[in-house]
Amino acid sequence: MSKALNEKPNAEPLPVGASAGVILNGRYLPPPEDKDGQIWVRASALIHADADDLYRMWRDVEAAPLWQEQIKRVSRTGEATSHWVMRSGAKR
């Protein structure tokens, strides 16, 4: 691969003030709105890793704070239960 992944030679500039959108075939698509004007946002990421390693990481709920920044602590409380502490701004 000769070009960096963030280079988009055919992409249109993103609108200023856009909260979320999609680039499809080099064209900006604004986020969809439902009938009440709510904006729905989807995100995806391509992760280059072994599927078994990713599954083990996903199943280890106590390690979630390592890869999810808003999660501060997860403690197992039973076979199928856990206690999660999250932070969003000043809320906990």
Protein backbone atom coordinates (compact mmCIF):
# COMPACT_ATOMS: atom_id res chain seq x y z
CA MET A 1 0.00 0.00 0.00
CA SER A 2 1.72 3.16 -1.18
CA LYS A 3 -0.65 5.80 0.26
CA ALA A 4 -1.57 6.43 3.86
CA LEU A 5 -5.03 5.26 4.86
CA ASN A 6 -6.17 8.79 5.68
CA GLU A 7 -5.53 10.11 2.16
CA LYS A 8 -8.75 10.61 0.19
CA PRO A 9 -7.80 12.19 -3.13
CA ASN A 10 -11.35 12.04 -4.56
CA ALA A 11 -13.31 12.95 -1.42
CA GLU A 12 -15.29 16.17 -1.18
CA PRO A 13 -14.52 18.37 1.81
CA LEU A 14 -16.79 17.69 4.77
CA PRO A 15 -19.35 20.37 5.62
CA VAL A 16 -18.40 22.59 8.54
CA GLY A 17 -20.44 21.86 11.66
CA ALA A 18 -21.55 18.39 10.60
CA SER A 19 -21.98 16.13 13.60
CA ALA A 20 -21.78 12.85 11.75
CA GLY A 21 -21.92 11.58 8.23
CA VAL A 22 -20.72 8.95 5.84
CA ILE A 23 -18.29 9.06 2.96
CA LEU A 24 -19.49 6.70 0.22
CA ASN A 25 -17.56 6.45 -3.03
CA GLY A 26 -15.85 9.74 -2.18
CA ARG A 27 -19.10 11.63 -1.60
CA TYR A 28 -20.41 12.98 1.72
CA LEU A 29 -23.79 11.66 2.84
CA PRO A 30 -25.42 13.46 5.79
CA PRO A 31 -26.61 11.33 8.69
CA PRO A 32 -30.15 9.96 8.30
CA GLU A 33 -32.98 11.41 10.35
CA ASP A 34 -36.11 9.62 11.52
CA LYS A 35 -39.65 11.08 11.40
CA ASP A 36 -39.04 12.97 14.68
CA GLY A 37 -35.85 14.59 13.42
CA GLN A 38 -33.62 12.35 15.54
CA ILE A 39 -30.24 11.71 13.91
CA TRP A 40 -29.09 8.10 13.87
CA VAL A 41 -25.36 7.47 13.66
CA ARG A 42 -23.61 4.23 12.86
CA ALA A 43 -19.90 3.60 13.12
CA SER A 44 -17.68 0.77 12.03
CA ALA A 45 -14.03 -0.08 12.27
CA LEU A 46 -11.81 -2.55 10.49
CA ILE A 47 -9.63 -4.39 13.01
CA HIS A 48 -6.71 -6.45 11.79
CA ALA A 49 -6.45 -9.14 14.47
CA ASP A 50 -7.13 -12.82 14.99
CA ALA A 51 -10.85 -13.52 15.50
CA ASP A 52 -10.19 -15.84 18.46
CA ASP A 53 -8.10 -13.18 20.22
CA LEU A 54 -10.80 -10.57 19.65
CA TYR A 55 -13.51 -12.91 20.96
CA ARG A 56 -11.49 -13.63 24.13
CA MET A 57 -10.97 -9.89 24.66
CA TRP A 58 -14.71 -9.21 24.14
CA ARG A 59 -15.71 -11.94 26.61
CA ASP A 60 -13.34 -10.62 29.34
CA VAL A 61 -15.70 -7.95 30.68
CA GLU A 62 -13.26 -6.87 33.39
CA ALA A 63 -10.82 -5.81 30.65
CA ALA A 64 -13.40 -3.59 28.92
CA PRO A 65 -11.89 -0.36 30.36
CA LEU A 66 -8.72 -1.12 28.38
CA TRP A 67 -10.51 -0.65 25.04
CA GLN A 68 -13.60 1.44 25.90
CA GLU A 69 -12.69 4.86 27.26
CA GLN A 70 -16.00 5.71 29.00
CA ILE A 71 -15.94 2.49 31.05
CA LYS A 72 -13.99 3.07 34.25
CA ARG A 73 -14.37 -0.29 36.02
CA VAL A 74 -16.13 -3.63 35.58
CA SER A 75 -16.39 -6.20 38.38
CA ARG A 76 -17.86 -9.67 38.02
CA THR A 77 -20.64 -10.21 40.55
CA GLY A 78 -21.76 -13.66 39.46
CA GLU A 79 -21.67 -16.27 36.70
CA ALA A 80 -23.64 -14.09 34.29
CA THR A 81 -23.68 -10.69 36.03
CA SER A 82 -21.30 -7.79 36.49
CA HIS A 83 -21.20 -4.27 37.94
CA TRP A 84 -20.13 -1.52 35.51
CA VAL A 85 -18.94 1.99 36.40
CA MET A 86 -18.96 4.43 33.49
CA ARG A 87 -18.17 8.11 33.16
CA SER A 88 -19.57 10.56 30.65
CA GLY A 89 -18.35 14.08 31.33
CA ALA A 90 -19.06 14.78 34.99
CA LYS A 91 -21.62 11.95 35.31
CA ARG A 92 -20.68 8.60 36.81
